[in-house]
């Protein structure tokens, strides 16, 4: 969650997206990417 919060801090380019991105959204995406990587490479 620390990484997700840092990605959403003021001044980060994530705020250029068409809709608001929250740390919870980023955290969920990180977890999903990790799960997919584990599924493909283990």
PDB file of N, CA and C in Angstrom:
ATOM      1  N   UNK A   1       0.824  -1.186   0.000  1.00  0.00           N
ATOM      2  CA  UNK A   1       0.000   0.000   0.000  1.00  0.00           C
ATOM      3  C   UNK A   1       0.870   1.252   0.000  1.00  0.00           C
ATOM      4  N   UNK A   2       2.068   1.156   0.556  1.00  0.00           N
ATOM      5  CA  UNK A   2       2.957   2.318   0.551  1.00  0.00           C
ATOM      6  C   UNK A   2       3.274   2.762  -0.874  1.00  0.00           C
ATOM      7  N   UNK A   3       3.508   1.814  -1.749  1.00  0.00           N
ATOM      8  CA  UNK A   3       3.809   2.127  -3.151  1.00  0.00           C
ATOM      9  C   UNK A   3       2.592   2.756  -3.814  1.00  0.00           C
ATOM     10  N   UNK A   4       1.419   2.211  -3.569  1.00  0.00           N
ATOM     11  CA  UNK A   4       0.185   2.746  -4.152  1.00  0.00           C
ATOM     12  C   UNK A   4      -0.061   4.181  -3.690  1.00  0.00           C
ATOM     13  N   UNK A   5       0.171   4.439  -2.418  1.00  0.00           N
ATOM     14  CA  UNK A   5      -0.011   5.789  -1.898  1.00  0.00           C
ATOM     15  C   UNK A   5       1.009   6.749  -2.500  1.00  0.00           C
ATOM     16  N   UNK A   6       2.238   6.299  -2.658  1.00  0.00           N
ATOM     17  CA  UNK A   6       3.268   7.143  -3.270  1.00  0.00           C
ATOM     18  C   UNK A   6       2.925   7.449  -4.724  1.00  0.00           C
ATOM     19  N   UNK A   7       2.378   6.473  -5.436  1.00  0.00           N
ATOM     20  CA  UNK A   7       2.005   6.671  -6.837  1.00  0.00           C
ATOM     21  C   UNK A   7       0.902   7.711  -6.977  1.00  0.00           C
ATOM     22  N   UNK A   8       0.110   7.871  -5.944  1.00  0.00           N
ATOM     23  CA  UNK A   8      -1.018   8.804  -5.990  1.00  0.00           C
ATOM     24  C   UNK A   8      -0.738  10.128  -5.275  1.00  0.00           C
ATOM     25  N   UNK A   9       0.492  10.339  -4.868  1.00  0.00           N
ATOM     26  CA  UNK A   9       0.800  11.577  -4.150  1.00  0.00           C
ATOM     27  C   UNK A   9       0.711  12.780  -5.084  1.00  0.00           C
ATOM     28  N   UNK A  10       0.583  13.929  -4.489  1.00  0.00           N
ATOM     29  CA  UNK A  10       0.437  15.173  -5.240  1.00  0.00           C
ATOM     30  C   UNK A  10       1.613  15.374  -6.194  1.00  0.00           C
ATOM     31  N   UNK A  11       1.294  15.765  -7.419  1.00  0.00           N
ATOM     32  CA  UNK A  11       2.326  16.024  -8.413  1.00  0.00           C
ATOM     33  C   UNK A  11       2.679  14.824  -9.280  1.00  0.00           C
ATOM     34  N   UNK A  12       2.178  13.641  -8.957  1.00  0.00           N
ATOM     35  CA  UNK A  12       2.480  12.453  -9.754  1.00  0.00           C
ATOM     36  C   UNK A  12       1.651  12.453 -11.041  1.00  0.00           C
ATOM     37  N   UNK A  13       2.191  11.835 -12.072  1.00  0.00           N
ATOM     38  CA  UNK A  13       1.533  11.824 -13.373  1.00  0.00           C
ATOM     39  C   UNK A  13       0.260  10.986 -13.390  1.00  0.00           C
ATOM     40  N   UNK A  14       0.026  10.200 -12.375  1.00  0.00           N
ATOM     41  CA  UNK A  14      -1.206   9.407 -12.309  1.00  0.00           C
ATOM     42  C   UNK A  14      -2.434  10.313 -12.335  1.00  0.00           C
ATOM     43  N   UNK A  15      -2.257  11.565 -11.937  1.00  0.00           N
ATOM     44  CA  UNK A  15      -3.369  12.518 -11.922  1.00  0.00           C
ATOM     45  C   UNK A  15      -3.700  13.028 -13.320  1.00  0.00           C
ATOM     46  N   UNK A  16      -2.971  12.597 -14.342  1.00  0.00           N
ATOM     47  CA  UNK A  16      -3.280  12.954 -15.725  1.00  0.00           C
ATOM     48  C   UNK A  16      -4.310  12.011 -16.340  1.00  0.00           C
ATOM     49  N   UNK A  17      -4.724  11.009 -15.608  1.00  0.00           N
ATOM     50  CA  UNK A  17      -5.719  10.062 -16.117  1.00  0.00           C
ATOM     51  C   UNK A  17      -7.073  10.749 -16.283  1.00  0.00           C
ATOM     52  N   UNK A  18      -7.940  10.146 -17.066  1.00  0.00           N
ATOM     53  CA  UNK A  18      -9.248  10.735 -17.369  1.00  0.00           C
ATOM     54  C   UNK A  18     -10.211  10.700 -16.174  1.00  0.00           C
ATOM     55  N   UNK A  19      -9.903   9.890 -15.172  1.00  0.00           N
ATOM     56  CA  UNK A  19     -10.754   9.787 -13.992  1.00  0.00           C
ATOM     57  C   UNK A  19      -9.857   9.645 -12.771  1.00  0.00           C
ATOM     58  N   UNK A  20     -10.377   9.979 -11.608  1.00  0.00           N
ATOM     59  CA  UNK A  20      -9.555   9.899 -10.390  1.00  0.00           C
ATOM     60  C   UNK A  20      -9.090   8.469 -10.100  1.00  0.00           C
ATOM     61  N   UNK A  21      -7.824   8.328  -9.753  1.00  0.00           N
ATOM     62  CA  UNK A  21      -7.226   7.047  -9.370  1.00  0.00           C
ATOM     63  C   UNK A  21      -6.915   7.112  -7.882  1.00  0.00           C
ATOM     64  N   UNK A  22      -7.369   6.124  -7.148  1.00  0.00           N
ATOM     65  CA  UNK A  22      -7.142   6.090  -5.705  1.00  0.00           C
ATOM     66  C   UNK A  22      -6.040   5.091  -5.367  1.00  0.00           C
ATOM     67  N   UNK A  23      -5.435   5.241  -4.205  1.00  0.00           N
ATOM     68  CA  UNK A  23      -4.452   4.241  -3.778  1.00  0.00           C
ATOM     69  C   UNK A  23      -5.032   2.834  -3.725  1.00  0.00           C
ATOM     70  N   UNK A  24      -6.294   2.699  -3.357  1.00  0.00           N
ATOM     71  CA  UNK A  24      -6.919   1.370  -3.330  1.00  0.00           C
ATOM     72  C   UNK A  24      -6.980   0.764  -4.722  1.00  0.00           C
ATOM     73  N   UNK A  25      -7.247   1.577  -5.735  1.00  0.00           N
ATOM     74  CA  UNK A  25      -7.283   1.096  -7.116  1.00  0.00           C
ATOM     75  C   UNK A  25      -5.901   0.633  -7.560  1.00  0.00           C
ATOM     76  N   UNK A  26      -4.885   1.412  -7.221  1.00  0.00           N
ATOM     77  CA  UNK A  26      -3.512   1.058  -7.590  1.00  0.00           C
ATOM     78  C   UNK A  26      -3.093  -0.215  -6.875  1.00  0.00           C
ATOM     79  N   UNK A  27      -3.416  -0.324  -5.613  1.00  0.00           N
ATOM     80  CA  UNK A  27      -3.068  -1.511  -4.834  1.00  0.00           C
ATOM     81  C   UNK A  27      -3.723  -2.757  -5.425  1.00  0.00           C
ATOM     82  N   UNK A  28      -4.992  -2.639  -5.803  1.00  0.00           N
ATOM     83  CA  UNK A  28      -5.693  -3.768  -6.420  1.00  0.00           C
ATOM     84  C   UNK A  28      -5.036  -4.162  -7.739  1.00  0.00           C
ATOM     85  N   UNK A  29      -4.605  -3.182  -8.516  1.00  0.00           N
ATOM     86  CA  UNK A  29      -3.945  -3.470  -9.791  1.00  0.00           C
ATOM     87  C   UNK A  29      -2.598  -4.159  -9.570  1.00  0.00           C
ATOM     88  N   UNK A  30      -1.861  -3.729  -8.572  1.00  0.00           N
ATOM     89  CA  UNK A  30      -0.573  -4.358  -8.254  1.00  0.00           C
ATOM     90  C   UNK A  30      -0.798  -5.821  -7.852  1.00  0.00           C
ATOM     91  N   UNK A  31      -1.799  -6.051  -7.007  1.00  0.00           N
ATOM     92  CA  UNK A  31      -2.091  -7.421  -6.573  1.00  0.00           C
ATOM     93  C   UNK A  31      -2.521  -8.289  -7.741  1.00  0.00           C
ATOM     94  N   UNK A  32      -3.337  -7.737  -8.646  1.00  0.00           N
ATOM     95  CA  UNK A  32      -3.795  -8.501  -9.805  1.00  0.00           C
ATOM     96  C   UNK A  32      -2.629  -8.824 -10.730  1.00  0.00           C
ATOM     97  N   UNK A  33      -1.739  -7.862 -10.947  1.00  0.00           N
ATOM     98  CA  UNK A  33      -0.574  -8.104 -11.803  1.00  0.00           C
ATOM     99  C   UNK A  33       0.334  -9.162 -11.184  1.00  0.00           C
ATOM    100  N   UNK A  34       0.500  -9.115  -9.878  1.00  0.00           N
ATOM    101  CA  UNK A  34       1.319 -10.109  -9.194  1.00  0.00           C
ATOM    102  C   UNK A  34       0.700 -11.504  -9.327  1.00  0.00           C
ATOM    103  N   UNK A  35      -0.601 -11.596  -9.145  1.00  0.00           N
ATOM    104  CA  UNK A  35      -1.277 -12.888  -9.264  1.00  0.00           C
ATOM    105  C   UNK A  35      -1.143 -13.438 -10.686  1.00  0.00           C
ATOM    106  N   UNK A  36      -1.290 -12.585 -11.681  1.00  0.00           N
ATOM    107  CA  UNK A  36      -1.155 -13.034 -13.065  1.00  0.00           C
ATOM    108  C   UNK A  36       0.272 -13.488 -13.349  1.00  0.00           C
ATOM    109  N   UNK A  37       1.251 -12.764 -12.859  1.00  0.00           N
ATOM    110  CA  UNK A  37       2.636 -13.173 -13.031  1.00  0.00           C
ATOM    111  C   UNK A  37       2.930 -14.519 -12.389  1.00  0.00           C
ATOM    112  N   UNK A  38       2.403 -14.725 -11.202  1.00  0.00           N
ATOM    113  CA  UNK A  38       2.582 -16.011 -10.528  1.00  0.00           C
ATOM    114  C   UNK A  38       1.896 -17.130 -11.302  1.00  0.00           C
ATOM    115  N   UNK A  39       0.711 -16.840 -11.840  1.00  0.00           N
ATOM    116  CA  UNK A  39      -0.023 -17.855 -12.608  1.00  0.00           C
ATOM    117  C   UNK A  39       0.740 -18.250 -13.859  1.00  0.00           C
ATOM    118  N   UNK A  40       1.337 -17.282 -14.526  1.00  0.00           N
ATOM    119  CA  UNK A  40       2.020 -17.559 -15.791  1.00  0.00           C
ATOM    120  C   UNK A  40       3.394 -18.191 -15.623  1.00  0.00           C
ATOM    121  N   UNK A  41       4.092 -17.855 -14.547  1.00  0.00           N
ATOM    122  CA  UNK A  41       5.504 -18.237 -14.441  1.00  0.00           C
ATOM    123  C   UNK A  41       5.823 -19.168 -13.289  1.00  0.00           C
ATOM    124  N   UNK A  42       4.815 -19.815 -12.729  1.00  0.00           N
ATOM    125  CA  UNK A  42       5.121 -20.799 -11.679  1.00  0.00           C
ATOM    126  C   UNK A  42       4.507 -22.125 -12.019  1.00  0.00           C
TER     127      UNK A  42
END
